[in-house]
Amino acid sequence: MTEADDFAVEMHYYQMRIAGRLDDEFVTSFCPAGTEATWDADGTRLERIETDQSGIIGLIRSLHNLGCTILYLERKEQ
């Protein structure tokens, strides 16, 4: 095992639900490419968020800075 292997980035898929409606511009600007957004009466669902741990933390911080309420966050199997 090399030193570079110790710092390998693990990509995962995540799904989250946010209270309220996020607009398409937010999804395009702040979510990784390929993220799918759906909307219903309960809020916004973001699916197929493919990123590493630091990427999901960055997305959570962006949502927090906008005053959004995250209802749940789940890591999904690929």
Protein backbone atom coordinates (compact mmCIF):
# COMPACT_ATOMS: atom_id res chain seq x y z
CA MET A 1 0.00 0.00 0.00
CA THR A 2 1.41 3.38 -0.96
CA GLU A 3 1.09 6.67 0.84
CA ALA A 4 -1.30 7.88 -1.88
CA ASP A 5 -3.65 4.97 -1.06
CA ASP A 6 -4.02 6.33 2.47
CA PHE A 7 -5.68 9.45 1.03
CA ALA A 8 -7.94 7.83 -1.57
CA VAL A 9 -11.20 9.71 -2.00
CA GLU A 10 -14.30 7.59 -1.55
CA MET A 11 -17.23 8.68 -3.70
CA HIS A 12 -20.75 7.85 -2.54
CA TYR A 13 -24.30 8.59 -3.58
CA TYR A 14 -26.45 10.61 -1.22
CA GLN A 15 -30.11 11.57 -1.04
CA MET A 16 -31.54 14.45 0.95
CA ARG A 17 -34.82 16.19 1.55
CA ILE A 18 -35.03 19.92 2.23
CA ALA A 19 -38.04 21.81 3.56
CA GLY A 20 -39.27 24.28 0.95
CA ARG A 21 -38.47 24.58 -2.71
CA LEU A 22 -34.94 24.96 -4.03
CA ASP A 23 -34.87 26.50 -7.48
CA ASP A 24 -33.17 24.99 -10.51
CA GLU A 25 -30.41 27.61 -10.33
CA PHE A 26 -29.33 26.41 -6.87
CA VAL A 27 -29.26 22.79 -8.01
CA THR A 28 -27.20 23.69 -11.08
CA SER A 29 -24.80 25.94 -9.16
CA PHE A 30 -24.22 24.03 -5.92
CA CYS A 31 -24.97 20.34 -6.57
CA PRO A 32 -22.68 17.90 -8.40
CA ALA A 33 -23.51 17.18 -12.04
CA GLY A 34 -26.06 14.40 -12.32
CA THR A 35 -27.97 15.38 -9.18
CA GLU A 36 -31.69 14.88 -9.67
CA ALA A 37 -34.14 17.28 -8.02
CA THR A 38 -37.86 16.67 -7.51
CA TRP A 39 -40.40 18.86 -5.79
CA ASP A 40 -43.63 18.12 -3.96
CA ALA A 41 -45.80 19.69 -1.27
CA ASP A 42 -43.32 18.69 1.46
CA GLY A 43 -40.24 20.26 -0.11
CA THR A 44 -37.33 19.38 -2.36
CA ARG A 45 -35.74 15.98 -2.76
CA LEU A 46 -32.19 15.78 -4.10
CA GLU A 47 -31.17 12.34 -5.33
CA ARG A 48 -28.09 10.79 -6.95
CA ILE A 49 -25.77 13.32 -5.33
CA GLU A 50 -22.43 11.71 -6.19
CA THR A 51 -19.65 13.20 -4.09
CA ASP A 52 -17.14 12.52 -1.36
CA GLN A 53 -17.49 13.47 2.29
CA SER A 54 -16.05 16.97 1.88
CA GLY A 55 -18.40 17.61 -1.04
CA ILE A 56 -21.52 16.69 0.94
CA ILE A 57 -20.33 18.86 3.83
CA GLY A 58 -19.89 21.77 1.41
CA LEU A 59 -23.44 21.28 0.11
CA ILE A 60 -24.80 21.15 3.68
CA ARG A 61 -22.98 24.40 4.50
CA SER A 62 -24.40 26.10 1.40
CA LEU A 63 -27.90 25.04 2.40
CA HIS A 64 -27.31 26.23 5.97
CA ASN A 65 -26.06 29.62 4.76
CA LEU A 66 -29.32 30.02 2.82
CA GLY A 67 -31.36 29.20 5.93
CA CYS A 68 -32.67 25.89 4.55
CA THR A 69 -33.88 23.13 6.85
CA ILE A 70 -32.50 19.70 5.98
CA LEU A 71 -35.11 17.09 6.86
CA TYR A 72 -32.88 14.10 6.21
CA LEU A 73 -29.64 13.02 4.60
CA GLU A 74 -28.92 9.44 3.65
CA ARG A 75 -26.01 7.69 1.97
CA LYS A 76 -27.29 5.30 -0.67
CA GLU A 77 -25.75 2.17 -2.13
CA GLN A 78 -24.61 2.59 -5.72
